[in-house]
């Protein structure tokens, strides 16, 4: 009755069972998997958020397949103010309701059924689900730890086949927190050009470096065809705000062709056409300084979680083995 693409294991995994058992026994648990900032003491400014929802312009229907121009201009403003990127044009942006939707658009753009996407390991478990729903095969390539996390390029080259269509990089990676270095970015471009692949770069946590040092974005990557994904929910610590985007860069002819095709995909499938979304990026991206305290607290919380994880991981592992 059901499709093979939804043939997932639906039972709880070992970690979930271990946590449930510990809670049932009455033990106090410090849950290091909490990723909802509104449950971790990081709260949005209600005046800004509620004012956005009350925007009278929401009563006017103005469908634009790539997303409202004013909203895309606000995204460009964010990159200018936060990353000193001044040459990102709104025409290279396409807004989506989430980064998951952005992935689905890019997968459909690049891949026929059964073709492959190279994905880092460890990284998001979500990739397997997103790829499966798009009838795409995720092929892992390893990240190695040697004085910091690094891409294993020997294994990456071995993982590529004639069916490969793109390579994903997560910048910074989750859960390792490691960024793609400048030398790795150059090597990824060379690899992509060697095999005729596109780069898909997830930058939702770009602003959350553990050391506080700014990192370069891939939105200006000019060598290989590149799709950079990000969104407001992580940038402004607002998980309930699922406005995201794809920024396309690379050789101009390929960027133009990709943009035209993505526009048709979005026009066919996107629900992001209502004018009410306009006020969110303007208020939250242009008023980024007001979100600074929340973001700094989020960085401190993440550092605390990392330290606690190093302390308690062995105890959790023992509990999982006993279960």
Protein backbone atom coordinates (compact mmCIF):
# COMPACT_ATOMS: atom_id res chain seq x y z
CA UNK A 1 0.00 0.00 0.00
CA UNK A 2 2.83 2.42 0.86
CA UNK A 3 5.76 3.55 -1.26
CA UNK A 4 9.24 2.15 -0.73
CA UNK A 5 10.57 5.66 -0.10
CA UNK A 6 8.63 5.74 3.19
CA UNK A 7 9.81 2.34 4.37
CA UNK A 8 11.58 3.80 7.41
CA UNK A 9 12.29 2.16 10.74
CA UNK A 10 9.58 3.66 12.92
CA UNK A 11 10.63 2.25 16.30
CA UNK A 12 12.60 4.47 18.75
CA UNK A 13 16.38 4.24 18.55
CA UNK A 14 18.67 3.10 21.38
CA UNK A 15 19.34 6.62 22.69
CA UNK A 16 15.63 7.47 22.84
CA UNK A 17 14.89 4.23 24.68
CA UNK A 18 17.73 4.89 27.15
CA UNK A 19 16.41 8.41 27.87
CA UNK A 20 12.85 7.12 28.32
CA UNK A 21 14.06 4.42 30.72
CA UNK A 22 16.02 6.94 32.79
CA UNK A 23 13.05 9.30 32.97
CA UNK A 24 10.73 6.45 33.93
CA UNK A 25 13.09 5.58 36.79
CA UNK A 26 12.79 9.12 38.15
CA UNK A 27 16.39 10.12 37.43
CA UNK A 28 17.16 13.76 36.65
CA UNK A 29 18.39 14.14 33.09
CA UNK A 30 20.36 16.92 31.48
CA UNK A 31 19.14 16.62 27.89
CA UNK A 32 21.98 17.76 25.63
CA UNK A 33 19.85 17.19 22.53
CA UNK A 34 17.59 20.19 23.19
CA UNK A 35 17.89 22.40 20.12
CA UNK A 36 14.85 24.62 20.60
CA UNK A 37 16.14 28.05 21.73
CA UNK A 38 12.71 29.01 23.11
CA UNK A 39 13.14 26.15 25.60
CA UNK A 40 16.73 27.12 26.44
CA UNK A 41 16.22 30.65 27.75
CA UNK A 42 16.58 32.40 24.38
CA UNK A 43 13.43 34.36 23.59
CA UNK A 44 12.52 36.57 20.62
CA UNK A 45 11.44 40.17 20.96
CA UNK A 46 7.62 39.85 20.97
CA UNK A 47 7.11 43.41 19.74
CA UNK A 48 9.07 42.74 16.54
CA UNK A 49 7.53 39.33 15.86
CA UNK A 50 3.92 40.33 16.58
CA UNK A 51 4.28 43.55 14.60
CA UNK A 52 5.44 41.48 11.64
CA UNK A 53 2.28 39.38 11.79
CA UNK A 54 0.13 42.52 11.93
CA UNK A 55 1.56 43.98 8.72
CA UNK A 56 -1.35 45.37 6.63
CA UNK A 57 0.54 44.49 3.44
CA UNK A 58 -0.33 40.87 4.17
CA UNK A 59 -3.78 41.59 2.75
CA UNK A 60 -2.31 42.06 -0.73
CA UNK A 61 -1.53 38.97 -2.80
CA UNK A 62 1.64 39.42 -4.84
CA UNK A 63 3.01 36.04 -6.00
CA UNK A 64 6.69 36.08 -6.93
CA UNK A 65 8.22 32.64 -7.63
CA UNK A 66 11.65 33.57 -6.24
CA UNK A 67 10.13 35.23 -3.18
CA UNK A 68 9.24 38.83 -2.49
CA UNK A 69 11.86 41.23 -3.84
CA UNK A 70 11.87 43.24 -0.60
CA UNK A 71 12.56 40.07 1.38
CA UNK A 72 15.41 39.05 -0.95
CA UNK A 73 16.85 42.56 -0.62
CA UNK A 74 16.75 42.12 3.16
CA UNK A 75 18.74 38.90 2.82
CA UNK A 76 21.32 40.77 0.75
CA UNK A 77 21.44 43.39 3.50
CA UNK A 78 22.16 40.67 6.06
CA UNK A 79 25.16 39.46 4.04
CA UNK A 80 26.44 43.03 3.61
CA UNK A 81 26.14 43.87 7.29
CA UNK A 82 27.23 40.54 8.81
CA UNK A 83 29.70 39.16 6.25
CA UNK A 84 30.92 42.13 4.19
CA UNK A 85 29.47 40.64 1.01
CA UNK A 86 28.44 43.47 -1.29
CA UNK A 87 27.99 41.73 -4.65
CA UNK A 88 25.07 39.40 -3.86
CA UNK A 89 22.16 40.36 -6.11
CA UNK A 90 18.53 39.54 -5.18
CA UNK A 91 18.21 37.76 -8.54
CA UNK A 92 20.57 35.05 -7.26
CA UNK A 93 18.30 34.28 -4.30
CA UNK A 94 15.26 32.05 -4.09
CA UNK A 95 13.21 32.00 -0.89
CA UNK A 96 11.76 28.80 0.55
CA UNK A 97 9.67 27.86 3.55
CA UNK A 98 12.60 25.94 5.10
CA UNK A 99 16.06 24.63 4.29
CA UNK A 100 14.47 21.19 3.91
CA UNK A 101 12.36 22.60 1.08
CA UNK A 102 15.48 24.23 -0.35
CA UNK A 103 17.24 20.85 -0.38
CA UNK A 104 14.27 19.26 -2.15
CA UNK A 105 14.32 21.96 -4.85
CA UNK A 106 18.05 21.57 -5.46
CA UNK A 107 17.84 17.76 -5.50
CA UNK A 108 15.06 17.94 -8.10
CA UNK A 109 17.06 20.44 -10.12
CA UNK A 110 20.22 18.32 -10.23
CA UNK A 111 19.19 14.68 -9.98
CA UNK A 112 17.18 12.13 -11.87
CA UNK A 113 15.71 9.23 -9.83
CA UNK A 114 18.44 6.93 -8.55
CA UNK A 115 21.31 9.37 -9.01
CA UNK A 116 23.66 10.20 -6.15
CA UNK A 117 24.49 13.01 -3.77
CA UNK A 118 27.73 12.84 -1.76
CA UNK A 119 27.08 13.66 1.90
CA UNK A 120 29.51 14.13 4.83
CA UNK A 121 29.62 11.63 7.68
CA UNK A 122 29.06 12.37 10.52
CA UNK A 123 26.43 14.97 9.75
CA UNK A 124 22.66 15.46 9.67
CA UNK A 125 20.64 12.20 9.73
CA UNK A 126 18.01 14.24 7.89
CA UNK A 127 19.95 13.92 4.63
CA UNK A 128 18.93 10.29 4.28
CA UNK A 129 15.25 11.19 4.57
CA UNK A 130 15.42 14.21 2.25
CA UNK A 131 17.31 12.24 -0.38
CA UNK A 132 14.95 9.28 -0.13
CA UNK A 133 11.87 11.45 -0.59
CA UNK A 134 13.47 12.92 -3.72
CA UNK A 135 14.38 9.43 -5.03
CA UNK A 136 18.07 10.32 -4.70
CA UNK A 137 20.76 8.07 -3.23
CA UNK A 138 22.93 9.62 -0.48
CA UNK A 139 26.52 8.34 -0.62
CA UNK A 140 28.61 9.15 2.48
CA UNK A 141 32.14 10.47 2.50
CA UNK A 142 33.99 10.62 5.84
CA UNK A 143 35.19 13.50 7.94
CA UNK A 144 38.38 12.62 9.84
CA UNK A 145 39.60 13.98 13.16
CA UNK A 146 43.28 14.91 13.15
CA UNK A 147 43.97 18.05 15.18
CA UNK A 148 40.46 19.09 14.17
CA UNK A 149 37.84 17.74 11.78
CA UNK A 150 38.81 17.55 8.12
CA UNK A 151 37.36 16.30 4.85
CA UNK A 152 38.90 13.00 3.76
CA UNK A 153 39.46 13.90 0.11
CA UNK A 154 40.93 10.51 -0.80
CA UNK A 155 37.68 8.88 0.29
CA UNK A 156 35.62 11.62 -1.36
CA UNK A 157 37.22 10.92 -4.73
CA UNK A 158 36.67 7.18 -4.24
CA UNK A 159 33.00 7.76 -3.38
CA UNK A 160 32.28 9.61 -6.63
CA UNK A 161 30.76 7.64 -9.52
CA UNK A 162 29.17 8.38 -12.87
CA UNK A 163 25.88 8.69 -10.99
CA UNK A 164 27.15 11.48 -8.71
CA UNK A 165 25.53 14.87 -9.26
CA UNK A 166 26.55 17.01 -6.27
CA UNK A 167 28.54 17.09 -3.06
CA UNK A 168 27.14 18.51 0.17
CA UNK A 169 29.30 20.45 2.63
CA UNK A 170 27.93 21.65 5.96
CA UNK A 171 29.62 24.88 7.05
CA UNK A 172 29.85 24.49 10.02
CA UNK A 173 29.14 20.81 10.20
CA UNK A 174 26.68 19.40 12.68
CA UNK A 175 27.56 17.73 15.06
CA UNK A 176 31.32 18.37 14.78
CA UNK A 177 31.11 22.19 14.66
CA UNK A 178 33.91 22.22 12.09
CA UNK A 179 34.03 24.76 9.27
CA UNK A 180 35.28 24.17 5.73
CA UNK A 181 38.75 25.72 5.62
CA UNK A 182 39.95 27.89 2.74
CA UNK A 183 42.18 25.07 1.47
CA UNK A 184 39.29 22.59 1.69
CA UNK A 185 37.03 25.00 -0.19
CA UNK A 186 39.59 25.21 -2.98
CA UNK A 187 39.89 21.41 -3.03
CA UNK A 188 36.08 21.03 -3.12
CA UNK A 189 35.93 23.37 -6.11
CA UNK A 190 38.64 21.38 -7.89
CA UNK A 191 36.86 18.10 -7.09
CA UNK A 192 33.52 19.45 -8.33
CA UNK A 193 35.05 20.71 -11.56
CA UNK A 194 36.91 17.42 -12.11
CA UNK A 195 33.68 15.42 -11.88
CA UNK A 196 31.22 17.98 -13.22
CA UNK A 197 29.38 18.22 -9.89
CA UNK A 198 27.57 21.01 -8.13
CA UNK A 199 28.33 22.11 -4.57
CA UNK A 200 25.50 22.29 -2.01
CA UNK A 201 26.61 24.17 1.10
CA UNK A 202 24.50 24.31 4.27
CA UNK A 203 25.31 27.48 6.24
CA UNK A 204 22.41 27.67 8.70
CA UNK A 205 24.86 27.88 11.65
CA UNK A 206 27.44 30.06 9.90
CA UNK A 207 27.18 32.78 12.59
CA UNK A 208 27.67 30.40 15.53
CA UNK A 209 31.41 29.77 15.61
CA UNK A 210 32.56 28.47 18.99
CA UNK A 211 35.52 30.83 18.98
CA UNK A 212 33.44 33.81 17.88
CA UNK A 213 35.61 34.45 14.83
CA UNK A 214 33.73 35.29 11.60
CA UNK A 215 33.86 32.73 8.80
CA UNK A 216 33.55 33.24 5.06
CA UNK A 217 30.33 32.33 3.30
CA UNK A 218 30.10 30.27 0.10
CA UNK A 219 27.54 32.66 -1.43
CA UNK A 220 30.38 34.24 -3.41
CA UNK A 221 31.96 30.94 -4.48
CA UNK A 222 32.70 31.49 -8.16
CA UNK A 223 34.44 28.35 -9.42
CA UNK A 224 31.94 25.50 -9.26
CA UNK A 225 28.16 25.85 -9.52
CA UNK A 226 27.21 26.36 -5.86
CA UNK A 227 23.94 26.39 -3.96
CA UNK A 228 24.27 27.98 -0.51
CA UNK A 229 21.44 27.35 1.95
CA UNK A 230 20.58 29.38 5.05
CA UNK A 231 17.58 30.80 6.87
CA UNK A 232 16.13 33.15 9.45
CA UNK A 233 15.21 30.50 12.02
CA UNK A 234 18.86 29.85 12.95
CA UNK A 235 20.28 33.33 12.25
CA UNK A 236 17.75 35.05 14.51
CA UNK A 237 17.19 32.13 16.94
CA UNK A 238 13.54 31.89 15.87
CA UNK A 239 12.72 28.24 15.12
CA UNK A 240 9.08 29.15 14.46
CA UNK A 241 10.17 31.39 11.56
CA UNK A 242 10.79 28.98 8.68
CA UNK A 243 11.94 31.46 6.04
CA UNK A 244 15.02 30.12 4.23
CA UNK A 245 16.79 30.66 0.94
CA UNK A 246 19.06 29.27 -1.74
CA UNK A 247 21.82 31.53 -3.08
CA UNK A 248 23.23 30.41 -6.43
CA UNK A 249 26.79 31.25 -7.47
CA UNK A 250 29.45 30.04 -9.88
CA UNK A 251 29.94 30.36 -13.64
CA UNK A 252 27.42 32.91 -14.91
CA UNK A 253 25.86 30.74 -17.62
CA UNK A 254 25.24 27.89 -15.17
CA UNK A 255 23.89 30.31 -12.53
CA UNK A 256 21.42 31.78 -15.01
CA UNK A 257 20.22 28.37 -16.18
CA UNK A 258 19.91 27.05 -12.62
CA UNK A 259 17.98 30.13 -11.53
CA UNK A 260 15.48 29.83 -14.37
CA UNK A 261 14.85 26.17 -13.62
CA UNK A 262 14.60 26.74 -9.85
CA UNK A 263 12.07 29.49 -10.47
CA UNK A 264 9.77 27.05 -12.28
CA UNK A 265 10.19 24.45 -9.52
CA UNK A 266 9.32 27.08 -6.90
CA UNK A 267 6.41 28.45 -8.93
CA UNK A 268 5.00 24.94 -9.17
CA UNK A 269 5.46 23.83 -5.57
CA UNK A 270 6.19 26.70 -3.19
CA UNK A 271 3.66 27.96 -0.67
CA UNK A 272 5.80 31.01 0.03
CA UNK A 273 3.81 33.54 -1.95
CA UNK A 274 1.86 35.54 0.62
CA UNK A 275 2.83 39.12 1.33
CA UNK A 276 2.77 38.52 5.12
CA UNK A 277 6.27 37.04 4.91
CA UNK A 278 7.69 40.42 3.85
CA UNK A 279 7.85 41.94 7.30
CA UNK A 280 9.77 39.06 8.92
CA UNK A 281 13.06 39.34 7.03
CA UNK A 282 12.97 43.13 7.06
CA UNK A 283 12.40 43.36 10.80
CA UNK A 284 14.59 40.43 11.81
CA UNK A 285 17.48 40.80 9.38
CA UNK A 286 17.70 44.57 9.29
CA UNK A 287 17.24 44.70 13.07
CA UNK A 288 19.95 42.11 13.59
CA UNK A 289 21.62 44.11 16.35
CA UNK A 290 18.52 43.64 18.50
CA UNK A 291 18.97 39.89 18.14
CA UNK A 292 22.65 40.07 19.12
CA UNK A 293 22.07 39.26 22.77
CA UNK A 294 20.00 36.20 21.90
CA UNK A 295 22.65 35.00 19.47
CA UNK A 296 25.46 35.50 21.99
CA UNK A 297 23.48 33.60 24.61
CA UNK A 298 22.92 30.86 22.07
CA UNK A 299 26.68 30.65 21.44
CA UNK A 300 27.33 30.42 25.21
CA UNK A 301 24.67 27.73 25.57
CA UNK A 302 26.23 25.76 22.72
CA UNK A 303 29.68 25.98 24.33
CA UNK A 304 28.23 24.77 27.63
CA UNK A 305 26.49 21.86 25.92
CA UNK A 306 29.74 20.89 24.20
CA UNK A 307 31.64 20.80 27.49
CA UNK A 308 28.90 18.81 29.21
CA UNK A 309 28.73 16.40 26.29
CA UNK A 310 32.43 15.61 26.69
CA UNK A 311 31.83 14.87 30.36
CA UNK A 312 28.64 12.81 30.17
CA UNK A 313 28.95 10.96 26.87
CA UNK A 314 30.50 7.86 28.47
CA UNK A 315 27.66 7.58 30.98
CA UNK A 316 25.03 7.85 28.23
CA UNK A 317 26.87 5.24 26.14
CA UNK A 318 26.89 2.83 29.08
CA UNK A 319 23.16 3.31 29.52
CA UNK A 320 22.56 2.63 25.82
CA UNK A 321 24.61 -0.58 25.96
CA UNK A 322 22.64 -1.80 28.98
CA UNK A 323 19.38 -1.14 27.14
